[in-house]
């Protein structure tokens, strides 16, 4: 059996480290909060900084991590005995990371995904990858999403988020584990909707970033955000999600934060592309993963398979592939037949 107060965080990037800080500063009653938070880092120098200085200056400059947070370079060591295992690695590395850990995972451990991407090649959501690789039942999986700009959360700026699980009890447990004076989790049972909201908003943020790079104004960006929410909702509903989720923190909230903030990796990647860099050059210019670039082809593939129109995502897929020059963006972004703005438009 696992220790419910030990949490493993797989991934020492900005969001994984910020979430470790959230866990370590929770104000939930004793017994509901984590006593030991173990971050797995691929890089020894990052683990050393966490253990020696209680900091991760490369990803969270100026942020002090709580004393209960430590780091290891062996993923099996991090997971063994943990009551909760948090997945915070890039989407394209989740399966390979989890595949080696199935035997180390406690049979009652809950897996929590922070990942906002789809797996290329399979089009799988992270709930599906985790279930396939770890044999999880719905009550052993949860996803956290919403306006989750890591540096703001690490600074202690007020933030609300969503914890979704097929089990209300599991969602409530993870919410209790993370609740603090500046971090307010809400619960939800719509795993599909919460995941899709977190995935597609990155693609829309690429488009908004390209608008920035091209010097387009706020009208253009507001139009992209609004129409982007519409196509996100269409895909979520087609996959079994609740349209109401898209009006909440995991839908509109996350979309606005990711499209508006200069801290957004996907908006930053889009801005680089908008100034003339290729997608590969934009990725090389950044130190962190822009999930929108990695997942856009899978988003479009899923949409086509379900007969869902997603013109902005389709365009971003073509831009990332190098098939459309960014100077044509203004011409193509809203180039659809005239119709009503109705809910399915």
C-alpha atoms as a PDB file:
ATOM      1  CA  UNK A   1       0.000   0.000   0.000  1.00  0.00           C
ATOM      2  CA  UNK A   2       1.047   3.567  -0.600  1.00  0.00           C
ATOM      3  CA  UNK A   3       1.617   6.502   1.720  1.00  0.00           C
ATOM      4  CA  UNK A   4      -1.210   8.980   0.976  1.00  0.00           C
ATOM      5  CA  UNK A   5       0.962  11.884   2.147  1.00  0.00           C
ATOM      6  CA  UNK A   6       3.823  11.128  -0.248  1.00  0.00           C
ATOM      7  CA  UNK A   7       3.518  12.632  -3.722  1.00  0.00           C
ATOM      8  CA  UNK A   8       5.809  11.991  -6.683  1.00  0.00           C
ATOM      9  CA  UNK A   9       6.043  14.627  -9.417  1.00  0.00           C
ATOM     10  CA  UNK A  10       7.394  13.289 -12.704  1.00  0.00           C
ATOM     11  CA  UNK A  11       8.995  16.274 -14.375  1.00  0.00           C
ATOM     12  CA  UNK A  12      11.084  19.152 -13.032  1.00  0.00           C
ATOM     13  CA  UNK A  13      10.067  21.813 -15.538  1.00  0.00           C
ATOM     14  CA  UNK A  14       8.232  24.995 -14.652  1.00  0.00           C
ATOM     15  CA  UNK A  15       4.746  23.506 -14.154  1.00  0.00           C
ATOM     16  CA  UNK A  16       5.932  20.368 -12.376  1.00  0.00           C
ATOM     17  CA  UNK A  17       8.060  22.451 -10.012  1.00  0.00           C
ATOM     18  CA  UNK A  18       5.304  25.007  -9.444  1.00  0.00           C
ATOM     19  CA  UNK A  19       2.834  22.214  -8.687  1.00  0.00           C
ATOM     20  CA  UNK A  20       5.311  20.720  -6.216  1.00  0.00           C
ATOM     21  CA  UNK A  21       5.338  24.098  -4.498  1.00  0.00           C
ATOM     22  CA  UNK A  22       1.517  24.116  -4.463  1.00  0.00           C
ATOM     23  CA  UNK A  23       1.548  20.698  -2.790  1.00  0.00           C
ATOM     24  CA  UNK A  24       4.154  21.825  -0.271  1.00  0.00           C
ATOM     25  CA  UNK A  25       2.260  24.988   0.705  1.00  0.00           C
ATOM     26  CA  UNK A  26      -1.234  23.490   0.962  1.00  0.00           C
ATOM     27  CA  UNK A  27      -3.242  24.632   3.968  1.00  0.00           C
ATOM     28  CA  UNK A  28      -5.488  21.567   4.031  1.00  0.00           C
ATOM     29  CA  UNK A  29      -5.902  19.853   7.404  1.00  0.00           C
ATOM     30  CA  UNK A  30      -3.094  17.599   8.617  1.00  0.00           C
ATOM     31  CA  UNK A  31      -3.483  14.238   6.930  1.00  0.00           C
ATOM     32  CA  UNK A  32      -4.992  15.737   3.775  1.00  0.00           C
ATOM     33  CA  UNK A  33      -1.827  17.529   2.681  1.00  0.00           C
ATOM     34  CA  UNK A  34       1.474  16.135   1.438  1.00  0.00           C
ATOM     35  CA  UNK A  35       4.267  15.514   3.899  1.00  0.00           C
ATOM     36  CA  UNK A  36       6.870  14.471   1.317  1.00  0.00           C
ATOM     37  CA  UNK A  37       6.962  15.759  -2.294  1.00  0.00           C
ATOM     38  CA  UNK A  38       9.519  14.032  -4.515  1.00  0.00           C
ATOM     39  CA  UNK A  39      10.322  15.545  -7.924  1.00  0.00           C
ATOM     40  CA  UNK A  40      11.875  13.344 -10.578  1.00  0.00           C
ATOM     41  CA  UNK A  41      14.349  15.231 -12.760  1.00  0.00           C
ATOM     42  CA  UNK A  42      16.159  13.823 -15.783  1.00  0.00           C
ATOM     43  CA  UNK A  43      18.964  16.295 -15.175  1.00  0.00           C
ATOM     44  CA  UNK A  44      21.224  15.860 -12.125  1.00  0.00           C
ATOM     45  CA  UNK A  45      22.030  19.577 -11.921  1.00  0.00           C
ATOM     46  CA  UNK A  46      18.336  20.447 -11.542  1.00  0.00           C
ATOM     47  CA  UNK A  47      17.879  17.841  -8.802  1.00  0.00           C
ATOM     48  CA  UNK A  48      20.988  19.149  -7.061  1.00  0.00           C
ATOM     49  CA  UNK A  49      19.658  22.719  -7.074  1.00  0.00           C
ATOM     50  CA  UNK A  50      16.323  21.578  -5.618  1.00  0.00           C
ATOM     51  CA  UNK A  51      18.020  19.618  -2.835  1.00  0.00           C
ATOM     52  CA  UNK A  52      20.808  22.074  -2.063  1.00  0.00           C
ATOM     53  CA  UNK A  53      19.098  25.424  -2.550  1.00  0.00           C
ATOM     54  CA  UNK A  54      15.365  24.580  -2.414  1.00  0.00           C
ATOM     55  CA  UNK A  55      15.097  26.197  -5.827  1.00  0.00           C
ATOM     56  CA  UNK A  56      14.849  25.490  -9.552  1.00  0.00           C
ATOM     57  CA  UNK A  57      16.323  28.705 -10.945  1.00  0.00           C
ATOM     58  CA  UNK A  58      16.319  27.604 -14.572  1.00  0.00           C
ATOM     59  CA  UNK A  59      12.542  27.184 -14.662  1.00  0.00           C
ATOM     60  CA  UNK A  60      11.292  29.185 -11.665  1.00  0.00           C
ATOM     61  CA  UNK A  61      13.781  32.014 -11.093  1.00  0.00           C
ATOM     62  CA  UNK A  62      13.519  33.704  -7.723  1.00  0.00           C
ATOM     63  CA  UNK A  63      11.154  31.094  -6.263  1.00  0.00           C
ATOM     64  CA  UNK A  64      11.899  29.204  -3.042  1.00  0.00           C
ATOM     65  CA  UNK A  65      10.576  25.659  -2.802  1.00  0.00           C
ATOM     66  CA  UNK A  66       9.195  24.315   0.516  1.00  0.00           C
ATOM     67  CA  UNK A  67      11.391  22.178   2.749  1.00  0.00           C
ATOM     68  CA  UNK A  68       9.218  19.107   2.102  1.00  0.00           C
ATOM     69  CA  UNK A  69      10.119  19.179  -1.615  1.00  0.00           C
ATOM     70  CA  UNK A  70      13.127  17.152  -2.724  1.00  0.00           C
ATOM     71  CA  UNK A  71      14.367  15.756  -6.015  1.00  0.00           C
ATOM     72  CA  UNK A  72      15.773  12.485  -7.345  1.00  0.00           C
ATOM     73  CA  UNK A  73      17.092  11.390 -10.733  1.00  0.00           C
ATOM     74  CA  UNK A  74      15.588   7.880 -10.585  1.00  0.00           C
ATOM     75  CA  UNK A  75      11.915   7.823 -11.581  1.00  0.00           C
ATOM     76  CA  UNK A  76      11.332   4.459  -9.927  1.00  0.00           C
ATOM     77  CA  UNK A  77      12.641   5.819  -6.642  1.00  0.00           C
ATOM     78  CA  UNK A  78      10.287   8.803  -6.892  1.00  0.00           C
ATOM     79  CA  UNK A  79       7.197   6.680  -7.585  1.00  0.00           C
ATOM     80  CA  UNK A  80       7.779   3.804  -5.178  1.00  0.00           C
ATOM     81  CA  UNK A  81       5.370   4.076  -2.240  1.00  0.00           C
ATOM     82  CA  UNK A  82       3.796   7.365  -3.381  1.00  0.00           C
ATOM     83  CA  UNK A  83       0.063   7.707  -2.831  1.00  0.00           C
ATOM     84  CA  UNK A  84      -0.218  10.225  -5.661  1.00  0.00           C
ATOM     85  CA  UNK A  85       1.900  10.346  -8.807  1.00  0.00           C
ATOM     86  CA  UNK A  86       1.780  13.598 -10.781  1.00  0.00           C
ATOM     87  CA  UNK A  87       2.702  13.442 -14.479  1.00  0.00           C
ATOM     88  CA  UNK A  88       4.309  16.678 -15.684  1.00  0.00           C
ATOM     89  CA  UNK A  89       6.458  15.640 -18.651  1.00  0.00           C
ATOM     90  CA  UNK A  90       5.811  16.675 -22.279  1.00  0.00           C
ATOM     91  CA  UNK A  91       2.955  14.781 -23.898  1.00  0.00           C
ATOM     92  CA  UNK A  92       5.158  12.970 -26.390  1.00  0.00           C
ATOM     93  CA  UNK A  93       7.239  11.488 -23.550  1.00  0.00           C
ATOM     94  CA  UNK A  94       4.435  10.379 -21.232  1.00  0.00           C
ATOM     95  CA  UNK A  95       4.051   6.848 -22.570  1.00  0.00           C
ATOM     96  CA  UNK A  96       7.765   6.027 -22.542  1.00  0.00           C
ATOM     97  CA  UNK A  97       8.085   7.478 -19.038  1.00  0.00           C
ATOM     98  CA  UNK A  98       5.175   5.508 -17.594  1.00  0.00           C
ATOM     99  CA  UNK A  99       5.970   2.253 -19.372  1.00  0.00           C
ATOM    100  CA  UNK A 100       8.991   1.656 -17.143  1.00  0.00           C
ATOM    101  CA  UNK A 101       7.139   2.502 -13.918  1.00  0.00           C
ATOM    102  CA  UNK A 102       4.147   0.153 -13.882  1.00  0.00           C
ATOM    103  CA  UNK A 103       5.800  -2.307 -11.499  1.00  0.00           C
ATOM    104  CA  UNK A 104       6.844   0.515  -9.148  1.00  0.00           C
ATOM    105  CA  UNK A 105       3.393   2.104  -8.894  1.00  0.00           C
ATOM    106  CA  UNK A 106       1.485   1.237  -5.736  1.00  0.00           C
ATOM    107  CA  UNK A 107      -1.776  -0.619  -6.497  1.00  0.00           C
ATOM    108  CA  UNK A 108      -3.833   2.110  -4.837  1.00  0.00           C
ATOM    109  CA  UNK A 109      -1.886   5.140  -6.127  1.00  0.00           C
ATOM    110  CA  UNK A 110      -3.767   7.920  -7.926  1.00  0.00           C
ATOM    111  CA  UNK A 111      -2.189   9.334 -11.080  1.00  0.00           C
ATOM    112  CA  UNK A 112      -2.686  13.049 -11.770  1.00  0.00           C
ATOM    113  CA  UNK A 113      -1.976  14.503 -15.208  1.00  0.00           C
ATOM    114  CA  UNK A 114      -0.812  18.094 -15.651  1.00  0.00           C
ATOM    115  CA  UNK A 115      -0.117  17.459 -19.343  1.00  0.00           C
ATOM    116  CA  UNK A 116      -1.912  19.539 -21.990  1.00  0.00           C
ATOM    117  CA  UNK A 117      -1.264  17.669 -25.214  1.00  0.00           C
ATOM    118  CA  UNK A 118      -2.280  14.734 -27.394  1.00  0.00           C
ATOM    119  CA  UNK A 119       0.027  11.878 -28.313  1.00  0.00           C
ATOM    120  CA  UNK A 120       1.031  12.010 -31.961  1.00  0.00           C
ATOM    121  CA  UNK A 121       0.532   8.794 -33.862  1.00  0.00           C
ATOM    122  CA  UNK A 122      -2.246   7.513 -31.586  1.00  0.00           C
ATOM    123  CA  UNK A 123      -4.170  10.793 -30.997  1.00  0.00           C
ATOM    124  CA  UNK A 124      -4.555   9.601 -27.385  1.00  0.00           C
ATOM    125  CA  UNK A 125      -5.440  11.921 -24.544  1.00  0.00           C
ATOM    126  CA  UNK A 126      -3.261  11.600 -21.460  1.00  0.00           C
ATOM    127  CA  UNK A 127      -6.036   9.831 -19.536  1.00  0.00           C
ATOM    128  CA  UNK A 128      -5.958   7.157 -22.229  1.00  0.00           C
ATOM    129  CA  UNK A 129      -2.166   6.875 -22.212  1.00  0.00           C
ATOM    130  CA  UNK A 130      -2.076   6.575 -18.424  1.00  0.00           C
ATOM    131  CA  UNK A 131      -4.836   3.966 -18.416  1.00  0.00           C
ATOM    132  CA  UNK A 132      -3.183   1.912 -21.144  1.00  0.00           C
ATOM    133  CA  UNK A 133       0.288   1.949 -19.620  1.00  0.00           C
ATOM    134  CA  UNK A 134      -0.619   1.677 -15.935  1.00  0.00           C
ATOM    135  CA  UNK A 135      -3.903  -0.259 -15.990  1.00  0.00           C
ATOM    136  CA  UNK A 136      -5.758   2.420 -14.052  1.00  0.00           C
ATOM    137  CA  UNK A 137      -9.428   2.336 -13.133  1.00  0.00           C
ATOM    138  CA  UNK A 138     -11.278   5.690 -13.484  1.00  0.00           C
ATOM    139  CA  UNK A 139     -11.095   6.334  -9.734  1.00  0.00           C
ATOM    140  CA  UNK A 140      -7.282   6.268  -9.903  1.00  0.00           C
ATOM    141  CA  UNK A 141      -6.898   9.063 -12.438  1.00  0.00           C
ATOM    142  CA  UNK A 142      -7.380  12.821 -12.294  1.00  0.00           C
ATOM    143  CA  UNK A 143      -6.431  15.743 -14.496  1.00  0.00           C
ATOM    144  CA  UNK A 144      -5.607  19.283 -13.358  1.00  0.00           C
ATOM    145  CA  UNK A 145      -6.197  22.103 -15.831  1.00  0.00           C
ATOM    146  CA  UNK A 146      -7.220  25.729 -16.045  1.00  0.00           C
ATOM    147  CA  UNK A 147      -5.341  29.028 -16.180  1.00  0.00           C
ATOM    148  CA  UNK A 148      -2.088  27.469 -14.962  1.00  0.00           C
ATOM    149  CA  UNK A 149       0.748  29.860 -15.811  1.00  0.00           C
ATOM    150  CA  UNK A 150       3.458  28.254 -13.722  1.00  0.00           C
ATOM    151  CA  UNK A 151       5.484  31.281 -12.681  1.00  0.00           C
ATOM    152  CA  UNK A 152       2.411  33.177 -11.467  1.00  0.00           C
ATOM    153  CA  UNK A 153       1.305  30.183  -9.405  1.00  0.00           C
ATOM    154  CA  UNK A 154       4.801  29.751  -7.980  1.00  0.00           C
ATOM    155  CA  UNK A 155       4.837  33.427  -6.997  1.00  0.00           C
ATOM    156  CA  UNK A 156       1.676  32.851  -4.978  1.00  0.00           C
ATOM    157  CA  UNK A 157      -0.571  34.966  -7.195  1.00  0.00           C
ATOM    158  CA  UNK A 158      -4.247  33.979  -6.756  1.00  0.00           C
ATOM    159  CA  UNK A 159      -5.280  31.224  -9.156  1.00  0.00           C
ATOM    160  CA  UNK A 160      -8.296  28.975  -9.573  1.00  0.00           C
ATOM    161  CA  UNK A 161      -8.074  25.622 -11.331  1.00  0.00           C
ATOM    162  CA  UNK A 162     -10.068  22.471 -12.066  1.00  0.00           C
ATOM    163  CA  UNK A 163      -9.458  18.930 -10.835  1.00  0.00           C
ATOM    164  CA  UNK A 164     -11.419  16.417 -12.905  1.00  0.00           C
ATOM    165  CA  UNK A 165     -11.840  12.698 -12.342  1.00  0.00           C
ATOM    166  CA  UNK A 166     -14.367  10.041 -13.214  1.00  0.00           C
ATOM    167  CA  UNK A 167     -14.674   9.656  -9.440  1.00  0.00           C
ATOM    168  CA  UNK A 168     -15.965  12.649  -7.461  1.00  0.00           C
ATOM    169  CA  UNK A 169     -14.187  11.311  -4.384  1.00  0.00           C
ATOM    170  CA  UNK A 170     -10.856  11.230  -6.214  1.00  0.00           C
ATOM    171  CA  UNK A 171     -11.327  14.754  -7.542  1.00  0.00           C
ATOM    172  CA  UNK A 172     -12.131  15.954  -4.036  1.00  0.00           C
ATOM    173  CA  UNK A 173      -9.068  14.195  -2.625  1.00  0.00           C
ATOM    174  CA  UNK A 174      -6.706  15.864  -5.098  1.00  0.00           C
ATOM    175  CA  UNK A 175      -8.429  19.216  -4.587  1.00  0.00           C
ATOM    176  CA  UNK A 176      -7.906  18.900  -0.834  1.00  0.00           C
ATOM    177  CA  UNK A 177      -4.261  17.987  -1.391  1.00  0.00           C
ATOM    178  CA  UNK A 178      -3.615  21.184  -3.367  1.00  0.00           C
ATOM    179  CA  UNK A 179      -5.889  23.779  -1.774  1.00  0.00           C
ATOM    180  CA  UNK A 180      -4.076  26.771  -0.321  1.00  0.00           C
ATOM    181  CA  UNK A 181      -4.467  30.480   0.368  1.00  0.00           C
ATOM    182  CA  UNK A 182      -3.754  31.420  -3.261  1.00  0.00           C
ATOM    183  CA  UNK A 183      -4.611  28.188  -5.096  1.00  0.00           C
ATOM    184  CA  UNK A 184      -8.325  27.370  -5.348  1.00  0.00           C
ATOM    185  CA  UNK A 185      -9.235  24.035  -6.975  1.00  0.00           C
ATOM    186  CA  UNK A 186     -12.749  23.303  -8.209  1.00  0.00           C
ATOM    187  CA  UNK A 187     -13.848  19.734  -8.947  1.00  0.00           C
ATOM    188  CA  UNK A 188     -15.424  18.266 -12.061  1.00  0.00           C
ATOM    189  CA  UNK A 189     -16.177  14.809 -13.460  1.00  0.00           C
ATOM    190  CA  UNK A 190     -15.783  15.815 -17.133  1.00  0.00           C
ATOM    191  CA  UNK A 191     -12.305  14.406 -17.806  1.00  0.00           C
ATOM    192  CA  UNK A 192     -12.728  14.572 -21.594  1.00  0.00           C
ATOM    193  CA  UNK A 193     -13.820  18.203 -21.636  1.00  0.00           C
ATOM    194  CA  UNK A 194     -11.102  19.323 -19.238  1.00  0.00           C
ATOM    195  CA  UNK A 195      -8.419  17.528 -21.240  1.00  0.00           C
ATOM    196  CA  UNK A 196      -9.566  18.839 -24.613  1.00  0.00           C
ATOM    197  CA  UNK A 197      -9.800  22.390 -23.278  1.00  0.00           C
ATOM    198  CA  UNK A 198      -6.198  22.156 -22.125  1.00  0.00           C
ATOM    199  CA  UNK A 199      -5.007  20.721 -25.421  1.00  0.00           C
ATOM    200  CA  UNK A 200      -6.691  22.935 -27.995  1.00  0.00           C
ATOM    201  CA  UNK A 201      -6.098  26.219 -26.199  1.00  0.00           C
ATOM    202  CA  UNK A 202      -2.384  25.737 -26.924  1.00  0.00           C
ATOM    203  CA  UNK A 203      -3.121  25.561 -30.641  1.00  0.00           C
ATOM    204  CA  UNK A 204      -5.259  28.704 -30.486  1.00  0.00           C
ATOM    205  CA  UNK A 205      -2.503  30.465 -28.533  1.00  0.00           C
ATOM    206  CA  UNK A 206      -0.121  29.725 -31.396  1.00  0.00           C
ATOM    207  CA  UNK A 207      -2.497  31.598 -33.710  1.00  0.00           C
ATOM    208  CA  UNK A 208      -2.719  34.535 -31.309  1.00  0.00           C
ATOM    209  CA  UNK A 209       1.067  34.613 -30.998  1.00  0.00           C
ATOM    210  CA  UNK A 210       1.408  34.679 -34.774  1.00  0.00           C
ATOM    211  CA  UNK A 211      -1.003  37.630 -34.811  1.00  0.00           C
ATOM    212  CA  UNK A 212       1.377  39.371 -32.393  1.00  0.00           C
ATOM    213  CA  UNK A 213       4.377  38.566 -34.537  1.00  0.00           C
ATOM    214  CA  UNK A 214       2.574  39.870 -37.616  1.00  0.00           C
ATOM    215  CA  UNK A 215       1.605  43.100 -35.864  1.00  0.00           C
ATOM    216  CA  UNK A 216      -2.132  42.427 -35.998  1.00  0.00           C
ATOM    217  CA  UNK A 217      -4.344  44.200 -33.465  1.00  0.00           C
ATOM    218  CA  UNK A 218      -6.628  43.241 -30.619  1.00  0.00           C
ATOM    219  CA  UNK A 219      -9.689  42.849 -32.835  1.00  0.00           C
ATOM    220  CA  UNK A 220      -7.899  40.101 -34.742  1.00  0.00           C
ATOM    221  CA  UNK A 221      -6.759  38.355 -31.568  1.00  0.00           C
ATOM    222  CA  UNK A 222     -10.186  38.601 -29.920  1.00  0.00           C
ATOM    223  CA  UNK A 223     -11.749  37.088 -33.024  1.00  0.00           C
ATOM    224  CA  UNK A 224      -9.286  34.188 -32.993  1.00  0.00           C
ATOM    225  CA  UNK A 225      -9.822  33.546 -29.274  1.00  0.00           C
ATOM    226  CA  UNK A 226     -13.607  33.568 -29.602  1.00  0.00           C
ATOM    227  CA  UNK A 227     -13.743  31.383 -32.695  1.00  0.00           C
ATOM    228  CA  UNK A 228     -11.073  29.184 -31.127  1.00  0.00           C
ATOM    229  CA  UNK A 229     -13.319  28.572 -28.150  1.00  0.00           C
ATOM    230  CA  UNK A 230     -16.130  27.606 -30.512  1.00  0.00           C
ATOM    231  CA  UNK A 231     -14.048  24.974 -32.273  1.00  0.00           C
ATOM    232  CA  UNK A 232     -12.645  23.677 -28.988  1.00  0.00           C
ATOM    233  CA  UNK A 233     -16.205  23.208 -27.759  1.00  0.00           C
ATOM    234  CA  UNK A 234     -17.230  21.385 -30.929  1.00  0.00           C
ATOM    235  CA  UNK A 235     -14.398  18.873 -30.522  1.00  0.00           C
ATOM    236  CA  UNK A 236     -14.975  18.371 -26.794  1.00  0.00           C
ATOM    237  CA  UNK A 237     -18.679  17.678 -27.325  1.00  0.00           C
ATOM    238  CA  UNK A 238     -17.958  15.286 -30.209  1.00  0.00           C
ATOM    239  CA  UNK A 239     -15.693  13.280 -27.888  1.00  0.00           C
ATOM    240  CA  UNK A 240     -18.284  13.172 -25.100  1.00  0.00           C
ATOM    241  CA  UNK A 241     -17.357  16.274 -23.131  1.00  0.00           C
ATOM    242  CA  UNK A 242     -19.777  18.695 -21.499  1.00  0.00           C
ATOM    243  CA  UNK A 243     -20.124  22.054 -23.308  1.00  0.00           C
ATOM    244  CA  UNK A 244     -20.523  23.753 -19.926  1.00  0.00           C
ATOM    245  CA  UNK A 245     -16.901  22.837 -19.153  1.00  0.00           C
ATOM    246  CA  UNK A 246     -15.768  25.040 -22.022  1.00  0.00           C
ATOM    247  CA  UNK A 247     -17.398  28.074 -20.387  1.00  0.00           C
ATOM    248  CA  UNK A 248     -15.434  27.504 -17.182  1.00  0.00           C
ATOM    249  CA  UNK A 249     -11.852  27.594 -15.937  1.00  0.00           C
ATOM    250  CA  UNK A 250     -10.643  24.632 -17.987  1.00  0.00           C
ATOM    251  CA  UNK A 251     -12.106  26.100 -21.181  1.00  0.00           C
ATOM    252  CA  UNK A 252     -12.458  29.867 -21.421  1.00  0.00           C
ATOM    253  CA  UNK A 253     -10.253  30.550 -18.392  1.00  0.00           C
ATOM    254  CA  UNK A 254      -7.285  28.579 -19.670  1.00  0.00           C
ATOM    255  CA  UNK A 255      -7.746  29.893 -23.202  1.00  0.00           C
ATOM    256  CA  UNK A 256      -7.692  33.533 -22.105  1.00  0.00           C
ATOM    257  CA  UNK A 257      -4.636  33.092 -19.889  1.00  0.00           C
ATOM    258  CA  UNK A 258      -2.652  31.213 -22.509  1.00  0.00           C
ATOM    259  CA  UNK A 259      -3.546  33.584 -25.332  1.00  0.00           C
ATOM    260  CA  UNK A 260      -3.062  36.805 -23.366  1.00  0.00           C
ATOM    261  CA  UNK A 261       0.025  36.248 -21.222  1.00  0.00           C
ATOM    262  CA  UNK A 262       3.624  36.884 -22.283  1.00  0.00           C
ATOM    263  CA  UNK A 263       4.477  33.959 -19.974  1.00  0.00           C
ATOM    264  CA  UNK A 264       2.628  31.578 -22.308  1.00  0.00           C
ATOM    265  CA  UNK A 265       5.015  29.233 -24.114  1.00  0.00           C
ATOM    266  CA  UNK A 266       2.593  28.637 -26.972  1.00  0.00           C
ATOM    267  CA  UNK A 267       1.879  32.306 -27.556  1.00  0.00           C
ATOM    268  CA  UNK A 268       5.641  32.926 -27.462  1.00  0.00           C
ATOM    269  CA  UNK A 269       6.247  30.162 -30.011  1.00  0.00           C
ATOM    270  CA  UNK A 270       3.553  31.646 -32.231  1.00  0.00           C
ATOM    271  CA  UNK A 271       5.100  35.094 -31.977  1.00  0.00           C
ATOM    272  CA  UNK A 272       8.441  33.664 -33.144  1.00  0.00           C
ATOM    273  CA  UNK A 273       6.707  32.032 -36.112  1.00  0.00           C
ATOM    274  CA  UNK A 274       4.891  35.283 -36.855  1.00  0.00           C
ATOM    275  CA  UNK A 275       8.208  37.114 -37.178  1.00  0.00           C
ATOM    276  CA  UNK A 276       9.361  34.653 -39.825  1.00  0.00           C
ATOM    277  CA  UNK A 277      10.896  31.702 -37.975  1.00  0.00           C
ATOM    278  CA  UNK A 278       9.931  28.178 -38.923  1.00  0.00           C
ATOM    279  CA  UNK A 279       8.271  25.998 -36.282  1.00  0.00           C
ATOM    280  CA  UNK A 280      11.583  24.201 -35.768  1.00  0.00           C
ATOM    281  CA  UNK A 281      13.430  27.487 -35.333  1.00  0.00           C
ATOM    282  CA  UNK A 282      10.767  28.713 -32.901  1.00  0.00           C
ATOM    283  CA  UNK A 283      11.184  25.560 -30.796  1.00  0.00           C
ATOM    284  CA  UNK A 284      14.972  25.966 -30.854  1.00  0.00           C
ATOM    285  CA  UNK A 285      14.623  29.554 -29.622  1.00  0.00           C
ATOM    286  CA  UNK A 286      12.779  28.386 -26.500  1.00  0.00           C
ATOM    287  CA  UNK A 287      13.988  26.380 -23.501  1.00  0.00           C
ATOM    288  CA  UNK A 288      10.616  24.719 -22.873  1.00  0.00           C
ATOM    289  CA  UNK A 289       8.107  22.664 -24.850  1.00  0.00           C
ATOM    290  CA  UNK A 290       5.292  24.415 -26.714  1.00  0.00           C
ATOM    291  CA  UNK A 291       2.667  21.665 -26.664  1.00  0.00           C
ATOM    292  CA  UNK A 292       0.602  23.351 -29.378  1.00  0.00           C
ATOM    293  CA  UNK A 293       3.331  22.761 -31.957  1.00  0.00           C
ATOM    294  CA  UNK A 294       3.708  19.141 -30.893  1.00  0.00           C
ATOM    295  CA  UNK A 295      -0.012  18.323 -30.665  1.00  0.00           C
ATOM    296  CA  UNK A 296      -1.649  20.287 -33.477  1.00  0.00           C
ATOM    297  CA  UNK A 297      -1.408  17.471 -36.025  1.00  0.00           C
ATOM    298  CA  UNK A 298      -3.092  15.072 -33.585  1.00  0.00           C
ATOM    299  CA  UNK A 299      -5.835  17.621 -32.820  1.00  0.00           C
ATOM    300  CA  UNK A 300      -6.603  17.991 -36.525  1.00  0.00           C
ATOM    301  CA  UNK A 301      -6.537  14.233 -37.062  1.00  0.00           C
ATOM    302  CA  UNK A 302      -9.023  13.659 -34.227  1.00  0.00           C
ATOM    303  CA  UNK A 303     -11.280  16.445 -35.517  1.00  0.00           C
ATOM    304  CA  UNK A 304     -11.351  15.009 -39.016  1.00  0.00           C
ATOM    305  CA  UNK A 305     -12.061  11.515 -37.693  1.00  0.00           C
ATOM    306  CA  UNK A 306     -15.127  12.873 -35.865  1.00  0.00           C
ATOM    307  CA  UNK A 307     -16.307  15.210 -38.602  1.00  0.00           C
ATOM    308  CA  UNK A 308     -15.585  18.357 -36.561  1.00  0.00           C
ATOM    309  CA  UNK A 309     -14.750  21.612 -38.331  1.00  0.00           C
ATOM    310  CA  UNK A 310     -11.715  23.298 -36.755  1.00  0.00           C
ATOM    311  CA  UNK A 311     -10.502  25.886 -39.287  1.00  0.00           C
ATOM    312  CA  UNK A 312      -8.049  27.672 -36.986  1.00  0.00           C
ATOM    313  CA  UNK A 313      -6.465  24.404 -35.891  1.00  0.00           C
ATOM    314  CA  UNK A 314      -6.338  23.237 -39.510  1.00  0.00           C
ATOM    315  CA  UNK A 315      -4.534  26.438 -40.457  1.00  0.00           C
ATOM    316  CA  UNK A 316      -2.070  26.118 -37.562  1.00  0.00           C
ATOM    317  CA  UNK A 317      -1.302  22.566 -38.650  1.00  0.00           C
ATOM    318  CA  UNK A 318      -0.452  23.819 -42.129  1.00  0.00           C
ATOM    319  CA  UNK A 319       1.650  26.678 -40.758  1.00  0.00           C
ATOM    320  CA  UNK A 320       3.611  24.364 -38.433  1.00  0.00           C
ATOM    321  CA  UNK A 321       4.170  21.947 -41.323  1.00  0.00           C
ATOM    322  CA  UNK A 322       5.480  24.824 -43.450  1.00  0.00           C
ATOM    323  CA  UNK A 323       2.705  24.504 -46.012  1.00  0.00           C
ATOM    324  CA  UNK A 324       1.316  28.023 -45.470  1.00  0.00           C
ATOM    325  CA  UNK A 325       3.365  31.205 -45.229  1.00  0.00           C
ATOM    326  CA  UNK A 326       2.526  33.270 -42.150  1.00  0.00           C
ATOM    327  CA  UNK A 327       2.049  36.418 -44.216  1.00  0.00           C
ATOM    328  CA  UNK A 328      -1.200  34.827 -45.439  1.00  0.00           C
ATOM    329  CA  UNK A 329      -2.511  34.428 -41.881  1.00  0.00           C
ATOM    330  CA  UNK A 330      -4.756  37.515 -41.859  1.00  0.00           C
ATOM    331  CA  UNK A 331      -6.254  36.438 -45.168  1.00  0.00           C
ATOM    332  CA  UNK A 332      -6.971  32.862 -44.057  1.00  0.00           C
ATOM    333  CA  UNK A 333      -7.810  32.945 -40.337  1.00  0.00           C
ATOM    334  CA  UNK A 334     -11.451  33.860 -40.732  1.00  0.00           C
ATOM    335  CA  UNK A 335     -11.892  32.775 -44.340  1.00  0.00           C
ATOM    336  CA  UNK A 336     -15.120  30.791 -44.041  1.00  0.00           C
ATOM    337  CA  UNK A 337     -18.505  30.949 -45.747  1.00  0.00           C
ATOM    338  CA  UNK A 338     -20.833  33.531 -44.231  1.00  0.00           C
ATOM    339  CA  UNK A 339     -23.210  32.018 -41.694  1.00  0.00           C
ATOM    340  CA  UNK A 340     -24.945  32.596 -38.366  1.00  0.00           C
ATOM    341  CA  UNK A 341     -22.798  32.755 -35.237  1.00  0.00           C
ATOM    342  CA  UNK A 342     -25.017  30.060 -33.661  1.00  0.00           C
ATOM    343  CA  UNK A 343     -23.635  27.607 -31.159  1.00  0.00           C
ATOM    344  CA  UNK A 344     -22.427  25.199 -33.829  1.00  0.00           C
ATOM    345  CA  UNK A 345     -21.028  27.844 -36.199  1.00  0.00           C
END
